[in-house]
Amino acid sequence: MPDFLPLTVKFPGSRPILISNVAEAAATLSKTWPDRTNAAYVNAASLLSKAIAGTCRPKVAFEAYRIAAGRQGLLLDGSRSAALHVLDALCRELVIVPPEV
């Protein structure tokens, strides 16, 4: 299971796209972004290429992509589903706290 949840982005004049990994995120860099000179976009593009090359953690590059897409208004609703809220609550109940020594 990946370290991040998939993102849904919508570029001008196209249908929404589900982005679930670094390669898919990198592939969308050639799409119509509102501002390719934006610092967040430049940073995301750099980190995505480094992640593909293996010199950057995918989680870091994916988060940079999420920030860049969000700042340019390309992200669709990213709220967690009701099922994920239930799963999170169940997992919190299962966490075992080790006794203090």
N, C-alpha and C. Protein backbone atom coordinates (compact mmCIF):
# COMPACT_ATOMS: atom_id res chain seq x y z
N MET A 1 0.84 -1.17 0.00
CA MET A 1 0.00 0.00 0.00
C MET A 1 0.89 1.23 0.00
N PRO A 2 0.60 2.20 -0.84
CA PRO A 2 1.46 3.39 -0.91
C PRO A 2 1.32 4.26 0.35
N ASP A 3 2.26 5.16 0.50
CA ASP A 3 2.28 6.07 1.64
C ASP A 3 1.33 7.23 1.48
N PHE A 4 0.66 7.34 0.37
CA PHE A 4 -0.20 8.49 0.11
C PHE A 4 -1.49 8.05 -0.58
N LEU A 5 -2.51 8.87 -0.40
CA LEU A 5 -3.79 8.61 -1.05
C LEU A 5 -3.79 9.22 -2.44
N PRO A 6 -4.49 8.60 -3.39
CA PRO A 6 -4.54 9.15 -4.75
C PRO A 6 -5.18 10.54 -4.78
N LEU A 7 -4.79 11.32 -5.78
CA LEU A 7 -5.32 12.66 -5.98
C LEU A 7 -6.15 12.67 -7.25
N THR A 8 -7.15 13.52 -7.28
CA THR A 8 -7.91 13.73 -8.51
C THR A 8 -7.64 15.16 -8.96
N VAL A 9 -7.09 15.29 -10.16
CA VAL A 9 -6.79 16.61 -10.71
C VAL A 9 -7.59 16.81 -11.99
N LYS A 10 -7.91 18.06 -12.26
CA LYS A 10 -8.63 18.40 -13.49
C LYS A 10 -7.95 19.58 -14.14
N PHE A 11 -7.43 19.34 -15.33
CA PHE A 11 -6.78 20.38 -16.11
C PHE A 11 -7.81 21.06 -17.00
N PRO A 12 -7.59 22.32 -17.34
CA PRO A 12 -8.56 23.04 -18.19
C PRO A 12 -8.84 22.28 -19.49
N GLY A 13 -10.12 22.12 -19.79
CA GLY A 13 -10.52 21.48 -21.04
C GLY A 13 -10.38 19.97 -21.07
N SER A 14 -10.18 19.34 -19.92
CA SER A 14 -10.04 17.88 -19.92
C SER A 14 -10.88 17.27 -18.79
N ARG A 15 -10.96 15.96 -18.80
CA ARG A 15 -11.68 15.24 -17.77
C ARG A 15 -10.79 15.06 -16.54
N PRO A 16 -11.39 14.84 -15.37
CA PRO A 16 -10.59 14.60 -14.17
C PRO A 16 -9.71 13.36 -14.32
N ILE A 17 -8.54 13.42 -13.73
CA ILE A 17 -7.57 12.33 -13.81
C ILE A 17 -7.22 11.90 -12.39
N LEU A 18 -7.20 10.59 -12.15
CA LEU A 18 -6.79 10.07 -10.86
C LEU A 18 -5.28 9.82 -10.90
N ILE A 19 -4.57 10.43 -9.97
CA ILE A 19 -3.12 10.29 -9.90
C ILE A 19 -2.79 9.46 -8.68
N SER A 20 -2.22 8.29 -8.87
CA SER A 20 -1.97 7.41 -7.74
C SER A 20 -0.50 7.05 -7.54
N ASN A 21 0.38 7.55 -8.40
CA ASN A 21 1.80 7.28 -8.20
C ASN A 21 2.64 8.37 -8.85
N VAL A 22 3.92 8.30 -8.61
CA VAL A 22 4.86 9.33 -9.08
C VAL A 22 4.92 9.39 -10.60
N ALA A 23 4.88 8.25 -11.26
CA ALA A 23 4.96 8.23 -12.72
C ALA A 23 3.74 8.92 -13.35
N GLU A 24 2.56 8.67 -12.79
CA GLU A 24 1.36 9.32 -13.31
C GLU A 24 1.42 10.83 -13.06
N ALA A 25 1.92 11.22 -11.90
CA ALA A 25 2.05 12.65 -11.60
C ALA A 25 3.02 13.31 -12.59
N ALA A 26 4.14 12.67 -12.84
CA ALA A 26 5.13 13.22 -13.77
C ALA A 26 4.56 13.34 -15.18
N ALA A 27 3.73 12.39 -15.57
CA ALA A 27 3.14 12.41 -16.91
C ALA A 27 2.21 13.62 -17.09
N THR A 28 1.63 14.12 -16.02
CA THR A 28 0.71 15.26 -16.15
C THR A 28 1.45 16.59 -16.21
N LEU A 29 2.74 16.59 -16.02
CA LEU A 29 3.49 17.86 -16.07
C LEU A 29 3.45 18.48 -17.47
N SER A 30 3.19 17.65 -18.47
CA SER A 30 3.11 18.17 -19.84
C SER A 30 1.72 18.73 -20.18
N LYS A 31 0.78 18.57 -19.27
CA LYS A 31 -0.58 19.08 -19.50
C LYS A 31 -0.60 20.60 -19.31
N THR A 32 -1.75 21.21 -19.49
CA THR A 32 -1.90 22.66 -19.40
C THR A 32 -2.01 23.10 -17.94
N TRP A 33 -0.90 23.57 -17.39
CA TRP A 33 -0.88 24.12 -16.04
C TRP A 33 -1.07 25.62 -16.15
N PRO A 34 -1.78 26.24 -15.21
CA PRO A 34 -1.99 27.68 -15.28
C PRO A 34 -0.68 28.49 -15.26
N ASP A 35 0.32 28.04 -14.48
CA ASP A 35 1.57 28.79 -14.38
C ASP A 35 2.74 27.84 -14.16
N ARG A 36 3.45 27.55 -15.24
CA ARG A 36 4.60 26.64 -15.15
C ARG A 36 5.83 27.30 -14.54
N THR A 37 5.79 28.60 -14.34
CA THR A 37 6.92 29.28 -13.71
C THR A 37 6.74 29.39 -12.20
N ASN A 38 5.58 28.96 -11.69
CA ASN A 38 5.30 28.99 -10.27
C ASN A 38 6.33 28.13 -9.53
N ALA A 39 6.82 28.64 -8.39
CA ALA A 39 7.87 27.93 -7.64
C ALA A 39 7.43 26.53 -7.20
N ALA A 40 6.17 26.38 -6.81
CA ALA A 40 5.68 25.07 -6.38
C ALA A 40 5.69 24.07 -7.55
N TYR A 41 5.33 24.54 -8.75
CA TYR A 41 5.34 23.67 -9.94
C TYR A 41 6.77 23.26 -10.26
N VAL A 42 7.68 24.21 -10.27
CA VAL A 42 9.09 23.93 -10.59
C VAL A 42 9.66 22.93 -9.58
N ASN A 43 9.36 23.14 -8.30
CA ASN A 43 9.84 22.24 -7.26
C ASN A 43 9.27 20.84 -7.44
N ALA A 44 7.97 20.75 -7.71
CA ALA A 44 7.34 19.44 -7.92
C ALA A 44 7.94 18.73 -9.12
N ALA A 45 8.13 19.43 -10.20
CA ALA A 45 8.71 18.82 -11.41
C ALA A 45 10.11 18.27 -11.11
N SER A 46 10.89 19.04 -10.39
CA SER A 46 12.23 18.60 -10.04
C SER A 46 12.20 17.37 -9.14
N LEU A 47 11.37 17.40 -8.11
CA LEU A 47 11.31 16.27 -7.18
C LEU A 47 10.73 15.02 -7.83
N LEU A 48 9.77 15.19 -8.73
CA LEU A 48 9.22 14.02 -9.43
C LEU A 48 10.28 13.35 -10.30
N SER A 49 11.08 14.14 -10.99
CA SER A 49 12.13 13.53 -11.82
C SER A 49 13.19 12.85 -10.95
N LYS A 50 13.47 13.44 -9.79
CA LYS A 50 14.43 12.81 -8.86
C LYS A 50 13.85 11.53 -8.27
N ALA A 51 12.56 11.52 -7.98
CA ALA A 51 11.93 10.31 -7.44
C ALA A 51 11.96 9.18 -8.46
N ILE A 52 11.72 9.51 -9.71
CA ILE A 52 11.77 8.49 -10.77
C ILE A 52 13.19 7.96 -10.93
N ALA A 53 14.17 8.84 -10.75
CA ALA A 53 15.57 8.43 -10.85
C ALA A 53 16.04 7.68 -9.60
N GLY A 54 15.25 7.75 -8.53
CA GLY A 54 15.61 7.03 -7.32
C GLY A 54 16.40 7.84 -6.32
N THR A 55 16.50 9.15 -6.51
CA THR A 55 17.28 9.98 -5.59
C THR A 55 16.40 10.83 -4.67
N CYS A 56 15.10 10.60 -4.69
CA CYS A 56 14.16 11.32 -3.83
C CYS A 56 13.06 10.34 -3.43
N ARG A 57 12.60 10.45 -2.20
CA ARG A 57 11.52 9.59 -1.74
C ARG A 57 10.23 9.92 -2.50
N PRO A 58 9.53 8.92 -3.00
CA PRO A 58 8.29 9.17 -3.73
C PRO A 58 7.27 9.95 -2.91
N LYS A 59 7.20 9.70 -1.63
CA LYS A 59 6.24 10.41 -0.78
C LYS A 59 6.50 11.92 -0.79
N VAL A 60 7.76 12.31 -0.77
CA VAL A 60 8.13 13.73 -0.80
C VAL A 60 7.74 14.35 -2.13
N ALA A 61 8.05 13.67 -3.22
CA ALA A 61 7.73 14.18 -4.56
C ALA A 61 6.22 14.26 -4.76
N PHE A 62 5.49 13.26 -4.28
CA PHE A 62 4.04 13.26 -4.45
C PHE A 62 3.41 14.39 -3.66
N GLU A 63 3.93 14.65 -2.47
CA GLU A 63 3.40 15.76 -1.65
C GLU A 63 3.69 17.10 -2.33
N ALA A 64 4.86 17.25 -2.92
CA ALA A 64 5.19 18.48 -3.65
C ALA A 64 4.23 18.66 -4.83
N TYR A 65 3.89 17.57 -5.50
CA TYR A 65 2.95 17.63 -6.61
C TYR A 65 1.57 18.05 -6.11
N ARG A 66 1.14 17.48 -4.97
CA ARG A 66 -0.16 17.83 -4.39
C ARG A 66 -0.23 19.32 -4.06
N ILE A 67 0.84 19.84 -3.50
CA ILE A 67 0.90 21.26 -3.17
C ILE A 67 0.82 22.12 -4.43
N ALA A 68 1.59 21.76 -5.44
CA ALA A 68 1.62 22.53 -6.69
C ALA A 68 0.24 22.52 -7.36
N ALA A 69 -0.37 21.35 -7.44
CA ALA A 69 -1.69 21.25 -8.07
C ALA A 69 -2.74 22.02 -7.26
N GLY A 70 -2.63 21.96 -5.96
CA GLY A 70 -3.58 22.69 -5.11
C GLY A 70 -3.45 24.19 -5.26
N ARG A 71 -2.23 24.68 -5.30
CA ARG A 71 -2.01 26.13 -5.43
C ARG A 71 -2.49 26.67 -6.77
N GLN A 72 -2.53 25.79 -7.77
CA GLN A 72 -2.97 26.25 -9.09
C GLN A 72 -4.43 25.89 -9.36
N GLY A 73 -5.13 25.42 -8.34
CA GLY A 73 -6.55 25.16 -8.46
C GLY A 73 -6.91 23.94 -9.30
N LEU A 74 -6.02 22.98 -9.37
CA LEU A 74 -6.26 21.80 -10.20
C LEU A 74 -6.79 20.61 -9.41
N LEU A 75 -6.69 20.64 -8.10
CA LEU A 75 -7.14 19.52 -7.27
C LEU A 75 -8.66 19.54 -7.11
N LEU A 76 -9.25 18.39 -7.26
CA LEU A 76 -10.66 18.26 -6.95
C LEU A 76 -10.76 17.84 -5.48
N ASP A 77 -11.97 17.74 -4.97
CA ASP A 77 -12.20 17.45 -3.55
C ASP A 77 -11.30 16.31 -3.08
N GLY A 78 -10.49 16.62 -2.11
CA GLY A 78 -9.57 15.62 -1.58
C GLY A 78 -9.92 15.17 -0.18
N SER A 79 -11.16 15.40 0.21
CA SER A 79 -11.55 15.00 1.56
C SER A 79 -11.60 13.47 1.65
N ARG A 80 -11.35 13.00 2.83
CA ARG A 80 -11.34 11.56 3.06
C ARG A 80 -12.78 11.04 3.07
N SER A 81 -12.96 9.86 2.58
CA SER A 81 -14.29 9.26 2.54
C SER A 81 -14.72 8.83 3.93
N ALA A 82 -16.00 8.58 4.09
CA ALA A 82 -16.53 8.12 5.37
C ALA A 82 -15.90 6.78 5.76
N ALA A 83 -15.66 5.93 4.78
CA ALA A 83 -15.04 4.63 5.06
C ALA A 83 -13.63 4.80 5.63
N LEU A 84 -12.87 5.76 5.12
CA LEU A 84 -11.53 5.98 5.65
C LEU A 84 -11.58 6.52 7.07
N HIS A 85 -12.57 7.35 7.38
CA HIS A 85 -12.72 7.85 8.74
C HIS A 85 -13.00 6.69 9.70
N VAL A 86 -13.84 5.75 9.29
CA VAL A 86 -14.15 4.58 10.12
C VAL A 86 -12.90 3.73 10.30
N LEU A 87 -12.17 3.50 9.22
CA LEU A 87 -10.94 2.72 9.30
C LEU A 87 -9.92 3.37 10.23
N ASP A 88 -9.76 4.68 10.12
CA ASP A 88 -8.85 5.40 11.01
C ASP A 88 -9.25 5.23 12.47
N ALA A 89 -10.55 5.31 12.75
CA ALA A 89 -11.04 5.16 14.13
C ALA A 89 -10.76 3.75 14.64
N LEU A 90 -10.99 2.75 13.81
CA LEU A 90 -10.71 1.38 14.22
C LEU A 90 -9.23 1.15 14.49
N CYS A 91 -8.39 1.71 13.65
CA CYS A 91 -6.95 1.55 13.82
C CYS A 91 -6.47 2.23 15.10
N ARG A 92 -7.05 3.38 15.44
CA ARG A 92 -6.67 4.06 16.68
C ARG A 92 -7.00 3.18 17.89
N GLU A 93 -8.11 2.46 17.82
CA GLU A 93 -8.49 1.58 18.92
C GLU A 93 -7.57 0.38 19.04
N LEU A 94 -6.95 -0.02 17.95
CA LEU A 94 -6.08 -1.20 17.96
C LEU A 94 -4.64 -0.89 18.36
N VAL A 95 -4.30 0.37 18.44
CA VAL A 95 -2.92 0.74 18.77
C VAL A 95 -2.63 0.31 20.20
N ILE A 96 -1.57 -0.45 20.36
CA ILE A 96 -1.17 -0.92 21.68
C ILE A 96 -0.06 -0.02 22.19
N VAL A 97 -0.29 0.56 23.34
CA VAL A 97 0.69 1.44 23.94
C VAL A 97 1.53 0.60 24.88
N PRO A 98 2.86 0.57 24.67
CA PRO A 98 3.71 -0.24 25.55
C PRO A 98 3.73 0.35 26.96
N PRO A 99 3.82 -0.51 27.98
CA PRO A 99 3.84 -0.02 29.34
C PRO A 99 5.13 0.77 29.61
N GLU A 100 5.00 1.74 30.47
CA GLU A 100 6.19 2.52 30.84
C GLU A 100 7.07 1.69 31.75
N VAL A 101 8.35 1.79 31.55
CA VAL A 101 9.30 1.02 32.36
C VAL A 101 9.91 1.90 33.42
